[in-house]
Amino acid sequence: MMYLKVKNLFEKELDIASEISAIISPFTYNNLLNKDNLYKTFNIENITLKDYINNILKTFKNIKTDNIELYHSIPNHKKKDYLSQIKNEVKRIIRETKESKYYKSYKDQQFLFKVLSDYQIDSKALNAYMLLENNQSLKTNLTGFKNNVSVEYTRTDSTTGRLTSRSQANILTLPKKYRNIFKSSFQQGKILYIDFVSLEPRVMRKLGGFDCSGDIYEEIAESLEIDVDRSVIKQAVISAVYGSSKNALYSKMSKDKVDQLCDFIHDYLKVDLCLEMAQESSEKDCRTNFWGRPLWNKGASETNVILNNYVQSTAVDIALSGFSKLLQEVDLKRIKPLFIIHDALMIDVEESYINDIVNLSSSGYNCNILGNFPISVEDLYGTKY
């Protein structure tokens, strides 16, 4: 059991039993593990208090105080009324959180963030890249890891719940070619990726009620009546998922073949059905993904944006739930989860335990609603296991 910490509201900090490690202050309701704004995550109203308390809160906000307790700023004769309001509001927030359709999915993912480990840097590799890199933004990105700064994730800085980082150490923007700056902390160990295979197009196929093979691009190629290169199929799938133009494809094939390919993929990925689901999934004046997570795109009218937000957000939850489940089945003394990189998990693993990880990953992630999602394991240099 975790505890919901309520700060700056009472004379003393209170701990209220909760299944999500979080903190409530007069201004925020934040996850302590990954800095999510939980008001946005569960689409619930902020704490609301009477006018005279709100006036004090505004003063607090203007002077940007973090340490003054609201309790001590309320006139003595109004403190009892104040305490009653606060308790009722905190109870409401907890109740609405737990009543959210998205609550179970979100709660189940917390184990993943809880077990993320510290990373080790290969200083020689890092310094060499710093000398060779001329792009200042990439140099800044590399510098962020120099002092083993923790990556600070959040999911509420993006529309879809896709991870972003608020820390200088930003693994999400670090180019793959630089990831060998990380080294194993084991005497004999390796850095590996556990990666969902073709996650977003697979999500679309499954949302449409159909299954697909491990290699989704090969399945498409075998179903086509025309001969098309795998790279072109990938590009056409990306076009369908993200709603991008076909123009880049026209330089590679005739217009008739491009149209035939794109029409097939449109049907294969069940684009129309997924779009219908995306447009109809909503609650409390907010669109939601398949799991009920709020999507803050109510003002969007472009169908490609609505579709992609829905699919990407649904896929994010599948990846985080899958990684969390996998890590509950491994020996965490022999594997250290280092970074979440969207639909991949970067791990530090003892060499003698690699086969166990490969075997556990080989069955994929079995989602009890949408079915199986394949997972691959590879090293920093792309060698698959």
Protein backbone atom coordinates (compact mmCIF):
# COMPACT_ATOMS: atom_id res chain seq x y z
CA MET A 1 0.00 0.00 0.00
CA MET A 2 1.32 3.45 -0.92
CA TYR A 3 0.35 6.71 0.72
CA LEU A 4 -1.13 9.88 -0.65
CA LYS A 5 0.74 12.74 0.98
CA VAL A 6 -1.28 15.86 1.65
CA LYS A 7 1.05 18.82 2.07
CA ASN A 8 0.62 22.48 2.95
CA LEU A 9 -3.04 21.98 3.76
CA PHE A 10 -3.02 20.83 7.41
CA GLU A 11 -0.97 21.74 10.46
CA LYS A 12 1.00 18.55 9.90
CA GLU A 13 1.48 16.43 6.81
CA LEU A 14 -1.05 13.61 6.62
CA ASP A 15 -0.65 10.25 4.92
CA ILE A 16 -3.82 8.83 3.40
CA ALA A 17 -3.84 5.23 2.17
CA SER A 18 -3.71 5.12 -1.63
CA GLU A 19 -2.62 2.81 -4.43
CA ILE A 20 -0.84 5.58 -6.33
CA SER A 21 2.12 7.36 -4.76
CA ALA A 22 1.07 11.00 -5.01
CA ILE A 23 1.03 14.37 -3.33
CA ILE A 24 -1.78 16.92 -3.00
CA SER A 25 -0.87 20.53 -2.35
CA PRO A 26 -3.21 23.51 -2.73
CA PHE A 27 -2.13 23.79 -6.37
CA THR A 28 -1.21 20.30 -7.57
CA TYR A 29 -2.09 16.61 -7.45
CA ASN A 30 1.05 14.93 -8.74
CA ASN A 31 2.36 11.40 -9.05
CA LEU A 32 5.58 11.16 -7.05
CA LEU A 33 7.06 8.48 -9.33
CA ASN A 34 6.72 10.12 -12.73
CA LYS A 35 5.51 13.68 -12.14
CA ASP A 36 2.13 13.27 -13.83
CA ASN A 37 -0.53 15.87 -13.12
CA LEU A 38 -3.24 13.56 -11.81
CA TYR A 39 -6.00 16.13 -12.22
CA LYS A 40 -5.36 15.88 -15.98
CA THR A 41 -4.68 12.14 -15.92
CA PHE A 42 -8.10 11.34 -14.48
CA ASN A 43 -9.99 14.43 -15.67
CA ILE A 44 -11.09 15.53 -12.21
CA GLU A 45 -11.61 19.02 -10.83
CA ASN A 46 -8.95 20.70 -8.71
CA ILE A 47 -9.52 21.25 -5.02
CA THR A 48 -12.22 23.86 -4.62
CA LEU A 49 -12.49 25.94 -1.44
CA LYS A 50 -14.53 28.89 -0.21
CA ASP A 51 -13.68 32.38 -1.43
CA TYR A 52 -11.75 33.55 1.61
CA ILE A 53 -9.49 30.49 1.44
CA ASN A 54 -9.09 30.88 -2.31
CA ASN A 55 -7.91 34.45 -1.73
CA ILE A 56 -5.20 33.14 0.58
CA LEU A 57 -4.32 30.48 -1.99
CA LYS A 58 -3.90 33.16 -4.66
CA THR A 59 -1.49 34.98 -2.36
CA PHE A 60 0.40 31.71 -1.83
CA LYS A 61 0.63 31.21 -5.56
CA ASN A 62 1.80 34.77 -6.23
CA ILE A 63 4.67 34.50 -3.74
CA LYS A 64 5.39 30.94 -4.98
CA THR A 65 5.52 29.49 -1.51
CA ASP A 66 6.11 25.78 -0.98
CA ASN A 67 6.67 25.63 2.75
CA ILE A 68 3.99 27.79 4.39
CA GLU A 69 1.09 25.72 5.68
CA LEU A 70 -2.32 27.01 4.74
CA TYR A 71 -3.60 25.95 8.16
CA HIS A 72 -1.53 28.63 9.88
CA SER A 73 -2.81 31.34 7.53
CA ILE A 74 -6.49 30.79 8.34
CA PRO A 75 -8.11 32.79 11.20
CA ASN A 76 -8.58 30.56 14.27
CA HIS A 77 -12.38 30.86 14.27
CA LYS A 78 -12.49 29.50 10.68
CA LYS A 79 -10.03 26.63 11.04
CA LYS A 80 -12.62 24.00 11.89
CA ASP A 81 -14.64 24.90 8.79
CA TYR A 82 -11.45 24.88 6.72
CA LEU A 83 -10.37 21.43 7.93
CA SER A 84 -13.79 20.02 7.12
CA GLN A 85 -13.64 21.42 3.57
CA ILE A 86 -10.16 20.08 2.96
CA LYS A 87 -11.05 16.60 4.18
CA ASN A 88 -14.14 16.51 2.00
CA GLU A 89 -12.20 17.69 -1.05
CA VAL A 90 -9.39 15.17 -0.55
CA LYS A 91 -11.95 12.40 -0.15
CA ARG A 92 -13.65 13.55 -3.34
CA ILE A 93 -10.40 13.53 -5.29
CA ILE A 94 -9.52 10.02 -4.11
CA ARG A 95 -13.04 8.78 -4.85
CA GLU A 96 -13.12 10.27 -8.36
CA THR A 97 -9.64 8.90 -9.08
CA LYS A 98 -10.68 5.39 -8.12
CA GLU A 99 -13.95 5.66 -10.01
CA SER A 100 -12.15 6.59 -13.22
CA LYS A 101 -12.30 4.02 -16.00
CA TYR A 102 -8.58 4.55 -16.46
CA TYR A 103 -7.60 3.98 -12.82
CA LYS A 104 -6.79 0.26 -12.98
CA SER A 105 -4.62 0.58 -16.09
CA TYR A 106 -2.70 3.48 -14.62
CA LYS A 107 -2.28 1.84 -11.22
CA ASP A 108 -0.95 -1.38 -12.78
CA GLN A 109 1.80 0.60 -14.58
CA GLN A 110 3.25 2.13 -11.41
CA PHE A 111 5.47 -0.87 -10.68
CA LEU A 112 7.50 -0.07 -13.80
CA PHE A 113 8.37 3.45 -12.66
CA LYS A 114 9.03 2.25 -9.12
CA VAL A 115 11.76 -0.24 -10.14
CA LEU A 116 13.73 1.95 -12.59
CA SER A 117 17.40 1.81 -11.58
CA ASP A 118 20.40 4.11 -11.66
CA TYR A 119 22.56 3.87 -14.78
CA GLN A 120 26.32 3.66 -15.28
CA ILE A 121 28.18 5.88 -17.76
CA ASP A 122 31.20 4.94 -19.87
CA SER A 123 33.04 8.25 -19.40
CA LYS A 124 35.50 7.60 -22.23
CA ALA A 125 32.71 7.03 -24.74
CA LEU A 126 30.77 10.06 -23.50
CA ASN A 127 33.80 12.36 -23.67
CA ALA A 128 34.70 11.10 -27.16
CA TYR A 129 31.19 11.86 -28.44
CA MET A 130 31.28 15.29 -26.80
CA LEU A 131 34.46 16.10 -28.74
CA LEU A 132 33.15 14.77 -32.05
CA GLU A 133 29.64 16.28 -31.90
CA ASN A 134 29.23 19.74 -33.40
CA ASN A 135 25.48 20.09 -32.92
CA GLN A 136 25.03 22.13 -29.72
CA SER A 137 21.63 20.68 -28.82
CA LEU A 138 23.01 17.12 -29.08
CA LYS A 139 26.04 18.09 -27.00
CA THR A 140 23.69 19.48 -24.37
CA ASN A 141 21.71 16.24 -24.51
CA LEU A 142 24.89 14.21 -23.94
CA THR A 143 26.03 16.51 -21.13
CA GLY A 144 22.79 15.77 -19.28
CA PHE A 145 24.03 12.26 -18.51
CA LYS A 146 27.50 13.28 -17.36
CA ASN A 147 26.70 13.32 -13.66
CA ASN A 148 24.32 10.37 -13.73
CA VAL A 149 21.30 12.65 -13.39
CA SER A 150 18.03 10.73 -13.12
CA VAL A 151 15.58 10.93 -16.01
CA GLU A 152 12.38 12.60 -14.82
CA TYR A 153 9.42 11.30 -16.80
CA THR A 154 5.96 12.73 -17.15
CA ARG A 155 2.97 11.76 -19.28
CA THR A 156 0.89 14.91 -18.93
CA ASP A 157 3.08 17.24 -20.98
CA SER A 158 1.84 15.47 -24.13
CA THR A 159 -1.67 15.19 -25.55
CA THR A 160 -1.63 11.40 -25.73
CA GLY A 161 0.19 10.43 -22.54
CA ARG A 162 3.33 9.65 -24.54
CA LEU A 163 6.35 10.01 -22.27
CA THR A 164 8.36 13.20 -22.17
CA SER A 165 11.27 14.12 -19.92
CA ARG A 166 11.61 17.22 -17.77
CA SER A 167 15.22 16.52 -16.80
CA GLN A 168 18.42 17.55 -18.54
CA ALA A 169 19.17 13.84 -18.83
CA ASN A 170 16.71 13.14 -21.65
CA ILE A 171 16.93 9.60 -22.95
CA LEU A 172 13.92 10.20 -25.19
CA THR A 173 15.82 12.63 -27.41
CA LEU A 174 19.27 10.98 -27.23
CA PRO A 175 20.11 9.54 -30.68
CA LYS A 176 20.40 5.76 -30.74
CA LYS A 177 24.01 5.97 -31.98
CA TYR A 178 25.01 7.54 -28.65
CA ARG A 179 23.37 5.02 -26.35
CA ASN A 180 26.57 3.03 -25.91
CA ILE A 181 27.62 5.72 -23.43
CA PHE A 182 25.83 3.44 -20.97
CA LYS A 183 27.61 0.41 -19.56
CA SER A 184 26.56 -2.55 -17.45
CA SER A 185 26.86 -2.32 -13.68
CA PHE A 186 27.31 -6.09 -13.50
CA GLN A 187 30.79 -7.62 -13.59
CA GLN A 188 29.60 -9.53 -16.65
CA GLY A 189 26.54 -7.88 -18.09
CA LYS A 190 24.96 -6.32 -21.17
CA ILE A 191 22.69 -3.43 -22.03
CA LEU A 192 19.66 -4.68 -23.99
CA TYR A 193 16.38 -3.37 -25.39
CA ILE A 194 13.04 -5.07 -24.84
CA ASP A 195 10.90 -3.68 -27.63
CA PHE A 196 7.29 -4.04 -28.76
CA VAL A 197 7.13 -5.08 -32.41
CA SER A 198 5.23 -2.73 -34.78
CA LEU A 199 3.09 -1.63 -31.88
CA GLU A 200 0.88 1.14 -33.28
CA PRO A 201 -0.20 -0.56 -36.55
CA ARG A 202 -0.77 -3.75 -34.56
CA VAL A 203 -2.98 -1.83 -32.14
CA MET A 204 -5.09 -0.58 -35.05
CA ARG A 205 -5.51 -4.09 -36.46
CA LYS A 206 -6.55 -5.43 -33.06
CA LEU A 207 -8.89 -2.53 -32.31
CA GLY A 208 -10.62 -3.49 -35.53
CA GLY A 209 -11.18 -6.99 -34.13
CA PHE A 210 -8.54 -8.82 -36.18
CA ASP A 211 -5.30 -10.54 -35.27
CA CYS A 212 -1.98 -10.32 -37.12
CA SER A 213 1.27 -12.24 -37.35
CA GLY A 214 4.52 -11.43 -35.59
CA ASP A 215 5.85 -9.73 -38.70
CA ILE A 216 3.06 -7.41 -39.74
CA TYR A 217 4.90 -6.15 -42.84
CA GLU A 218 5.53 -9.66 -44.13
CA GLU A 219 1.86 -10.49 -43.64
CA ILE A 220 0.88 -7.44 -45.69
CA ALA A 221 3.42 -8.31 -48.42
CA GLU A 222 2.09 -11.87 -48.69
CA SER A 223 -1.50 -10.61 -48.96
CA LEU A 224 -0.81 -8.12 -51.75
CA GLU A 225 -1.40 -8.93 -55.40
CA ILE A 226 1.53 -6.72 -56.38
CA ASP A 227 5.22 -7.03 -55.57
CA VAL A 228 6.21 -4.26 -53.14
CA ASP A 229 9.46 -3.73 -51.25
CA ARG A 230 9.24 -4.07 -47.46
CA SER A 231 10.54 -0.51 -46.93
CA VAL A 232 7.73 0.86 -49.11
CA ILE A 233 5.15 -1.12 -47.12
CA LYS A 234 6.54 0.35 -43.90
CA GLN A 235 6.29 3.83 -45.35
CA ALA A 236 2.70 3.22 -46.46
CA VAL A 237 1.77 1.92 -43.01
CA ILE A 238 3.26 5.04 -41.42
CA SER A 239 1.25 7.12 -43.86
CA ALA A 240 -1.94 5.34 -42.77
CA VAL A 241 -1.21 5.54 -39.04
CA TYR A 242 -0.12 9.18 -39.03
CA GLY A 243 -2.27 10.44 -41.89
CA SER A 244 0.72 11.70 -43.85
CA SER A 245 0.78 12.32 -47.61
CA LYS A 246 1.32 9.60 -50.23
CA ASN A 247 3.59 11.92 -52.24
CA ALA A 248 6.81 10.33 -50.98
CA LEU A 249 5.54 6.94 -52.20
CA TYR A 250 4.85 8.17 -55.73
CA SER A 251 8.59 8.53 -56.35
CA LYS A 252 9.05 4.83 -55.64
CA MET A 253 6.14 3.23 -57.50
CA SER A 254 3.50 4.10 -60.07
CA LYS A 255 0.46 5.99 -58.83
CA ASP A 256 -1.81 3.00 -59.49
CA LYS A 257 0.37 0.71 -57.35
CA VAL A 258 0.65 3.28 -54.57
CA ASP A 259 -3.12 3.74 -54.49
CA GLN A 260 -3.66 -0.03 -54.53
CA LEU A 261 -1.16 -0.51 -51.68
CA CYS A 262 -2.60 2.30 -49.57
CA ASP A 263 -6.18 1.11 -50.10
CA PHE A 264 -5.19 -2.38 -48.95
CA ILE A 265 -3.40 -1.06 -45.85
CA HIS A 266 -6.31 1.27 -45.08
CA ASP A 267 -8.57 -1.77 -44.94
CA TYR A 268 -5.98 -4.03 -43.27
CA LEU A 269 -5.48 -1.58 -40.41
CA LYS A 270 -9.22 -0.96 -40.12
CA VAL A 271 -8.65 2.79 -40.31
CA ASP A 272 -12.34 3.71 -40.64
CA LEU A 273 -13.36 1.60 -37.65
CA CYS A 274 -10.49 2.95 -35.52
CA LEU A 275 -11.42 6.51 -36.46
CA GLU A 276 -15.02 5.87 -35.49
CA MET A 277 -13.88 4.55 -32.11
CA ALA A 278 -11.59 7.56 -31.65
CA GLN A 279 -14.39 10.01 -32.41
CA GLU A 280 -16.91 8.31 -30.14
CA SER A 281 -14.66 7.63 -27.13
CA SER A 282 -15.29 10.44 -24.69
CA GLU A 283 -16.40 11.34 -21.19
CA LYS A 284 -16.90 14.63 -19.32
CA ASP A 285 -16.36 16.69 -22.47
CA CYS A 286 -13.02 15.06 -23.15
CA ARG A 287 -11.94 12.46 -25.72
CA THR A 288 -10.43 9.28 -24.28
CA ASN A 289 -8.26 6.43 -25.50
CA PHE A 290 -9.34 2.77 -25.51
CA TRP A 291 -8.52 2.42 -21.80
CA GLY A 292 -10.36 5.60 -20.75
CA ARG A 293 -7.35 7.91 -20.46
CA PRO A 294 -8.33 11.54 -21.21
CA LEU A 295 -7.03 12.93 -24.50
CA TRP A 296 -6.75 16.70 -24.33
CA ASN A 297 -7.50 17.29 -28.00
CA LYS A 298 -11.16 18.26 -27.91
CA GLY A 299 -10.43 21.23 -30.14
CA ALA A 300 -8.89 19.08 -32.88
CA SER A 301 -11.06 18.50 -35.95
CA GLU A 302 -8.56 16.90 -38.37
CA THR A 303 -9.39 13.19 -38.63
CA ASN A 304 -5.73 12.18 -38.92
CA VAL A 305 -4.95 13.94 -35.61
CA ILE A 306 -7.93 12.38 -33.83
CA LEU A 307 -7.05 8.91 -35.13
CA ASN A 308 -3.34 9.12 -34.35
CA ASN A 309 -3.89 10.54 -30.86
CA TYR A 310 -6.26 7.68 -30.06
CA VAL A 311 -3.97 4.96 -31.44
CA GLN A 312 -0.75 6.37 -29.98
CA SER A 313 -2.28 6.86 -26.54
CA THR A 314 -3.77 3.35 -26.54
CA ALA A 315 -0.37 1.95 -27.56
CA VAL A 316 1.44 3.87 -24.79
CA ASP A 317 -0.71 2.16 -22.19
CA ILE A 318 -0.14 -1.27 -23.73
CA ALA A 319 3.64 -0.77 -23.66
CA LEU A 320 3.75 0.51 -20.07
CA SER A 321 1.39 -2.21 -18.81
CA GLY A 322 3.37 -4.87 -20.67
CA PHE A 323 6.73 -3.75 -19.29
CA SER A 324 5.31 -3.51 -15.78
CA LYS A 325 3.93 -7.06 -15.99
CA LEU A 326 7.18 -8.45 -17.40
CA LEU A 327 9.27 -6.88 -14.65
CA GLN A 328 7.08 -8.46 -12.01
CA GLU A 329 8.13 -11.85 -13.37
CA VAL A 330 11.92 -11.34 -13.47
CA ASP A 331 14.67 -11.51 -10.88
CA LEU A 332 15.35 -7.83 -10.20
CA LYS A 333 18.69 -8.71 -8.62
CA ARG A 334 19.90 -9.85 -12.04
CA ILE A 335 18.23 -7.24 -14.23
CA LYS A 336 18.06 -3.49 -13.78
CA PRO A 337 15.47 -1.53 -15.81
CA LEU A 338 17.25 1.70 -16.80
CA PHE A 339 15.08 3.68 -19.20
CA ILE A 340 11.67 3.65 -20.84
CA ILE A 341 12.02 4.81 -24.44
CA HIS A 342 8.38 4.89 -25.59
CA ASP A 343 7.63 1.30 -26.69
CA ALA A 344 11.09 0.01 -25.70
CA LEU A 345 12.63 -0.71 -22.31
CA MET A 346 16.40 -0.39 -21.91
CA ILE A 347 17.75 -2.85 -19.35
CA ASP A 348 21.04 -3.78 -17.74
CA VAL A 349 21.16 -7.56 -17.40
CA GLU A 350 23.60 -10.11 -16.04
CA GLU A 351 24.93 -12.18 -18.97
CA SER A 352 23.97 -15.49 -17.35
CA TYR A 353 20.37 -14.24 -17.11
CA ILE A 354 19.98 -13.13 -20.75
CA ASN A 355 18.43 -16.45 -21.88
CA ASP A 356 15.82 -16.16 -19.12
CA ILE A 357 14.90 -12.67 -20.31
CA VAL A 358 14.68 -13.85 -23.93
CA ASN A 359 12.47 -16.79 -22.91
CA LEU A 360 10.17 -14.61 -20.83
CA SER A 361 9.89 -12.07 -23.65
CA SER A 362 9.31 -14.67 -26.38
CA SER A 363 5.68 -15.14 -25.40
CA GLY A 364 5.04 -11.39 -25.74
CA TYR A 365 2.55 -9.45 -23.67
CA ASN A 366 -0.87 -11.04 -23.32
CA CYS A 367 -3.37 -8.23 -22.96
CA ASN A 368 -6.59 -9.69 -21.59
CA ILE A 369 -8.73 -7.54 -23.92
CA LEU A 370 -6.76 -7.03 -27.15
CA GLY A 371 -4.74 -10.24 -27.19
CA ASN A 372 -1.02 -10.88 -27.68
CA PHE A 373 1.59 -8.27 -28.57
CA PRO A 374 5.01 -9.64 -29.65
CA ILE A 375 8.18 -8.39 -27.96
CA SER A 376 11.75 -8.52 -29.31
CA VAL A 377 15.09 -8.42 -27.47
CA GLU A 378 18.22 -6.91 -29.00
CA ASP A 379 21.49 -5.31 -27.93
CA LEU A 380 22.75 -1.78 -28.47
CA TYR A 381 24.04 -2.69 -31.91
CA GLY A 382 20.83 -4.23 -33.25
CA THR A 383 21.74 -7.89 -32.74
CA LYS A 384 18.53 -9.78 -31.97
CA TYR A 385 18.30 -12.58 -29.43
